[in-house]
Amino acid sequence: MNLCYRGVSYESEPLSLEVSESNIIGTYRGQQYHRCYPRHVPKLKPKPRLQYRGLVYQTCPLIQTETSLNAQLAAIAKTCEQKPRSQEKNKFNLADIHQSNLRHNLNYRLQVAREKGDTRLVQLLEKESQELMV
């Protein structure tokens, strides 16, 4: 069947299913019917690789199997275990950087106070320097 959408023509091949009636009989609004099952499952055409702005995606969700789900959970657990260690490492590193910045700032303020000749401020900054070294 030849179809057209927004000026683009394409061929559509409807799926043909051969069905067989089963022994199961149902009733719907007073009418009896037989349940139909497909004789065979048709092979679907492979889906084209879709890409948007460099990212590959699929239009249908992936079927989750127990093994794929366990693999995903293991990967998540592995990343969760690694994060606290790196955060603790960063905490110590950040504390050292912070101390270094405080010392640098204090030395600059002390230098400016000496240049101005403010003895009271110099005494306060030297006291702060001694407390910072402890």
C-alpha atoms as a PDB file:
ATOM      1  CA  MET A   1       0.000   0.000   0.000  1.00  0.00           C
ATOM      2  CA  ASN A   2       1.449   3.357  -1.048  1.00  0.00           C
ATOM      3  CA  LEU A   3       0.932   6.118   1.531  1.00  0.00           C
ATOM      4  CA  CYS A   4       1.926   9.767   1.714  1.00  0.00           C
ATOM      5  CA  TYR A   5       2.570  11.983   4.756  1.00  0.00           C
ATOM      6  CA  ARG A   6       3.531  15.657   4.398  1.00  0.00           C
ATOM      7  CA  GLY A   7       4.614  15.070   0.835  1.00  0.00           C
ATOM      8  CA  VAL A   8       6.781  12.034   1.582  1.00  0.00           C
ATOM      9  CA  SER A   9       5.641   8.800  -0.030  1.00  0.00           C
ATOM     10  CA  TYR A  10       6.297   5.464   1.557  1.00  0.00           C
ATOM     11  CA  GLU A  11       5.224   1.834   1.269  1.00  0.00           C
ATOM     12  CA  SER A  12       3.291   0.205   4.063  1.00  0.00           C
ATOM     13  CA  GLU A  13       3.004  -3.531   4.309  1.00  0.00           C
ATOM     14  CA  PRO A  14       0.317  -4.536   6.798  1.00  0.00           C
ATOM     15  CA  LEU A  15       1.158  -7.472   9.027  1.00  0.00           C
ATOM     16  CA  SER A  16      -0.806 -10.544   8.124  1.00  0.00           C
ATOM     17  CA  LEU A  17      -1.513 -12.909  10.979  1.00  0.00           C
ATOM     18  CA  GLU A  18      -2.865 -16.375  10.565  1.00  0.00           C
ATOM     19  CA  VAL A  19      -5.023 -17.075  13.584  1.00  0.00           C
ATOM     20  CA  SER A  20      -6.605 -20.199  14.936  1.00  0.00           C
ATOM     21  CA  GLU A  21      -9.612 -20.360  17.210  1.00  0.00           C
ATOM     22  CA  SER A  22      -9.205 -21.971  20.598  1.00  0.00           C
ATOM     23  CA  ASN A  23     -11.585 -23.905  22.794  1.00  0.00           C
ATOM     24  CA  ILE A  24     -11.939 -20.912  25.088  1.00  0.00           C
ATOM     25  CA  ILE A  25     -15.343 -19.392  24.713  1.00  0.00           C
ATOM     26  CA  GLY A  26     -16.179 -16.021  26.158  1.00  0.00           C
ATOM     27  CA  THR A  27     -19.298 -13.971  26.445  1.00  0.00           C
ATOM     28  CA  TYR A  28     -19.397 -10.255  25.757  1.00  0.00           C
ATOM     29  CA  ARG A  29     -22.701  -8.340  25.948  1.00  0.00           C
ATOM     30  CA  GLY A  30     -24.612 -11.544  25.572  1.00  0.00           C
ATOM     31  CA  GLN A  31     -22.704 -12.757  22.510  1.00  0.00           C
ATOM     32  CA  GLN A  32     -20.348 -15.734  22.620  1.00  0.00           C
ATOM     33  CA  TYR A  33     -16.989 -15.608  20.915  1.00  0.00           C
ATOM     34  CA  HIS A  34     -13.932 -17.831  20.551  1.00  0.00           C
ATOM     35  CA  ARG A  35     -10.541 -16.629  21.634  1.00  0.00           C
ATOM     36  CA  CYS A  36      -8.107 -16.410  18.675  1.00  0.00           C
ATOM     37  CA  TYR A  37      -4.370 -17.052  18.885  1.00  0.00           C
ATOM     38  CA  PRO A  38      -1.767 -16.412  16.199  1.00  0.00           C
ATOM     39  CA  ARG A  39      -0.388 -19.573  14.593  1.00  0.00           C
ATOM     40  CA  HIS A  40       3.075 -18.111  14.392  1.00  0.00           C
ATOM     41  CA  VAL A  41       4.704 -14.882  15.465  1.00  0.00           C
ATOM     42  CA  PRO A  42       5.805 -12.898  12.416  1.00  0.00           C
ATOM     43  CA  LYS A  43       9.390 -11.707  12.154  1.00  0.00           C
ATOM     44  CA  LEU A  44       9.592  -7.979  12.499  1.00  0.00           C
ATOM     45  CA  LYS A  45      11.809  -5.908  10.278  1.00  0.00           C
ATOM     46  CA  PRO A  46      14.923  -4.593  12.004  1.00  0.00           C
ATOM     47  CA  LYS A  47      14.436  -1.041  13.218  1.00  0.00           C
ATOM     48  CA  PRO A  48      16.640   1.627  11.705  1.00  0.00           C
ATOM     49  CA  ARG A  49      19.254   3.291  13.883  1.00  0.00           C
ATOM     50  CA  LEU A  50      17.769   6.602  14.982  1.00  0.00           C
ATOM     51  CA  GLN A  51      19.987   9.536  15.850  1.00  0.00           C
ATOM     52  CA  TYR A  52      19.209  13.050  17.087  1.00  0.00           C
ATOM     53  CA  ARG A  53      22.010  15.586  17.498  1.00  0.00           C
ATOM     54  CA  GLY A  54      24.588  12.841  17.722  1.00  0.00           C
ATOM     55  CA  LEU A  55      22.711  10.719  20.297  1.00  0.00           C
ATOM     56  CA  VAL A  56      21.423   7.289  19.323  1.00  0.00           C
ATOM     57  CA  TYR A  57      17.988   6.335  20.646  1.00  0.00           C
ATOM     58  CA  GLN A  58      15.268   3.718  20.193  1.00  0.00           C
ATOM     59  CA  THR A  59      11.554   4.197  19.762  1.00  0.00           C
ATOM     60  CA  CYS A  60      10.577   1.142  21.760  1.00  0.00           C
ATOM     61  CA  PRO A  61      11.776   0.347  25.279  1.00  0.00           C
ATOM     62  CA  LEU A  62      14.308  -2.391  25.795  1.00  0.00           C
ATOM     63  CA  ILE A  63      13.002  -5.609  27.253  1.00  0.00           C
ATOM     64  CA  GLN A  64      14.395  -6.055  30.742  1.00  0.00           C
ATOM     65  CA  THR A  65      15.652  -9.524  31.510  1.00  0.00           C
ATOM     66  CA  GLU A  66      16.798 -10.642  34.906  1.00  0.00           C
ATOM     67  CA  THR A  67      20.445 -10.719  33.832  1.00  0.00           C
ATOM     68  CA  SER A  68      20.375  -7.221  32.297  1.00  0.00           C
ATOM     69  CA  LEU A  69      18.591  -5.870  35.375  1.00  0.00           C
ATOM     70  CA  ASN A  70      21.169  -7.467  37.711  1.00  0.00           C
ATOM     71  CA  ALA A  71      23.986  -6.009  35.595  1.00  0.00           C
ATOM     72  CA  GLN A  72      22.443  -2.530  35.848  1.00  0.00           C
ATOM     73  CA  LEU A  73      21.998  -2.848  39.602  1.00  0.00           C
ATOM     74  CA  ALA A  74      25.602  -3.991  40.009  1.00  0.00           C
ATOM     75  CA  ALA A  75      26.834  -0.996  37.985  1.00  0.00           C
ATOM     76  CA  ILE A  76      24.743   1.386  40.109  1.00  0.00           C
ATOM     77  CA  ALA A  77      26.035  -0.179  43.327  1.00  0.00           C
ATOM     78  CA  LYS A  78      29.612   0.115  42.080  1.00  0.00           C
ATOM     79  CA  THR A  79      29.245   3.829  41.338  1.00  0.00           C
ATOM     80  CA  CYS A  80      27.561   4.418  44.710  1.00  0.00           C
ATOM     81  CA  GLU A  81      30.475   2.755  46.516  1.00  0.00           C
ATOM     82  CA  GLN A  82      33.027   4.916  44.720  1.00  0.00           C
ATOM     83  CA  LYS A  83      31.396   8.303  45.348  1.00  0.00           C
ATOM     84  CA  PRO A  84      31.884   8.586  49.135  1.00  0.00           C
ATOM     85  CA  ARG A  85      35.580   7.776  48.853  1.00  0.00           C
ATOM     86  CA  SER A  86      36.168  10.497  46.293  1.00  0.00           C
ATOM     87  CA  GLN A  87      34.071  12.955  48.324  1.00  0.00           C
ATOM     88  CA  GLU A  88      36.107  12.256  51.468  1.00  0.00           C
ATOM     89  CA  LYS A  89      39.289  12.738  49.477  1.00  0.00           C
ATOM     90  CA  ASN A  90      37.954  16.048  48.145  1.00  0.00           C
ATOM     91  CA  LYS A  91      36.983  17.152  51.669  1.00  0.00           C
ATOM     92  CA  PHE A  92      40.574  16.838  52.874  1.00  0.00           C
ATOM     93  CA  ASN A  93      41.892  18.433  49.721  1.00  0.00           C
ATOM     94  CA  LEU A  94      39.415  21.324  50.021  1.00  0.00           C
ATOM     95  CA  ALA A  95      40.324  21.857  53.677  1.00  0.00           C
ATOM     96  CA  ASP A  96      44.011  22.182  52.756  1.00  0.00           C
ATOM     97  CA  ILE A  97      43.185  24.594  49.953  1.00  0.00           C
ATOM     98  CA  HIS A  98      41.001  26.634  52.297  1.00  0.00           C
ATOM     99  CA  GLN A  99      43.782  26.871  54.900  1.00  0.00           C
ATOM    100  CA  SER A 100      46.236  27.916  52.221  1.00  0.00           C
ATOM    101  CA  ASN A 101      43.885  30.643  50.989  1.00  0.00           C
ATOM    102  CA  LEU A 102      43.348  31.923  54.540  1.00  0.00           C
ATOM    103  CA  ARG A 103      47.106  32.151  55.115  1.00  0.00           C
ATOM    104  CA  HIS A 104      47.667  33.912  51.801  1.00  0.00           C
ATOM    105  CA  ASN A 105      44.886  36.421  52.526  1.00  0.00           C
ATOM    106  CA  LEU A 106      46.191  37.038  56.051  1.00  0.00           C
ATOM    107  CA  ASN A 107      49.756  37.651  54.786  1.00  0.00           C
ATOM    108  CA  TYR A 108      48.426  40.162  52.252  1.00  0.00           C
ATOM    109  CA  ARG A 109      46.387  42.010  54.907  1.00  0.00           C
ATOM    110  CA  LEU A 110      49.406  42.034  57.227  1.00  0.00           C
ATOM    111  CA  GLN A 111      51.631  43.472  54.483  1.00  0.00           C
ATOM    112  CA  VAL A 112      49.113  46.248  53.717  1.00  0.00           C
ATOM    113  CA  ALA A 113      48.757  47.100  57.445  1.00  0.00           C
ATOM    114  CA  ARG A 114      52.577  47.377  57.819  1.00  0.00           C
ATOM    115  CA  GLU A 115      52.790  49.644  54.748  1.00  0.00           C
ATOM    116  CA  LYS A 116      50.132  51.933  56.243  1.00  0.00           C
ATOM    117  CA  GLY A 117      51.895  51.913  59.619  1.00  0.00           C
ATOM    118  CA  ASP A 118      48.791  50.769  61.559  1.00  0.00           C
ATOM    119  CA  THR A 119      50.427  49.091  64.592  1.00  0.00           C
ATOM    120  CA  ARG A 120      47.127  48.125  66.227  1.00  0.00           C
ATOM    121  CA  LEU A 121      45.963  46.279  63.103  1.00  0.00           C
ATOM    122  CA  VAL A 122      49.384  44.616  62.730  1.00  0.00           C
ATOM    123  CA  GLN A 123      49.143  43.286  66.313  1.00  0.00           C
ATOM    124  CA  LEU A 124      45.639  41.915  65.682  1.00  0.00           C
ATOM    125  CA  LEU A 125      46.696  40.257  62.417  1.00  0.00           C
ATOM    126  CA  GLU A 126      49.783  38.686  64.025  1.00  0.00           C
ATOM    127  CA  LYS A 127      47.575  37.292  66.801  1.00  0.00           C
ATOM    128  CA  GLU A 128      45.196  35.909  64.128  1.00  0.00           C
ATOM    129  CA  SER A 129      48.188  34.397  62.341  1.00  0.00           C
ATOM    130  CA  GLN A 130      49.279  32.573  65.505  1.00  0.00           C
ATOM    131  CA  GLU A 131      45.735  31.208  66.010  1.00  0.00           C
ATOM    132  CA  LEU A 132      45.606  30.077  62.380  1.00  0.00           C
ATOM    133  CA  MET A 133      48.893  28.178  62.700  1.00  0.00           C
ATOM    134  CA  VAL A 134      47.535  26.122  65.625  1.00  0.00           C
END
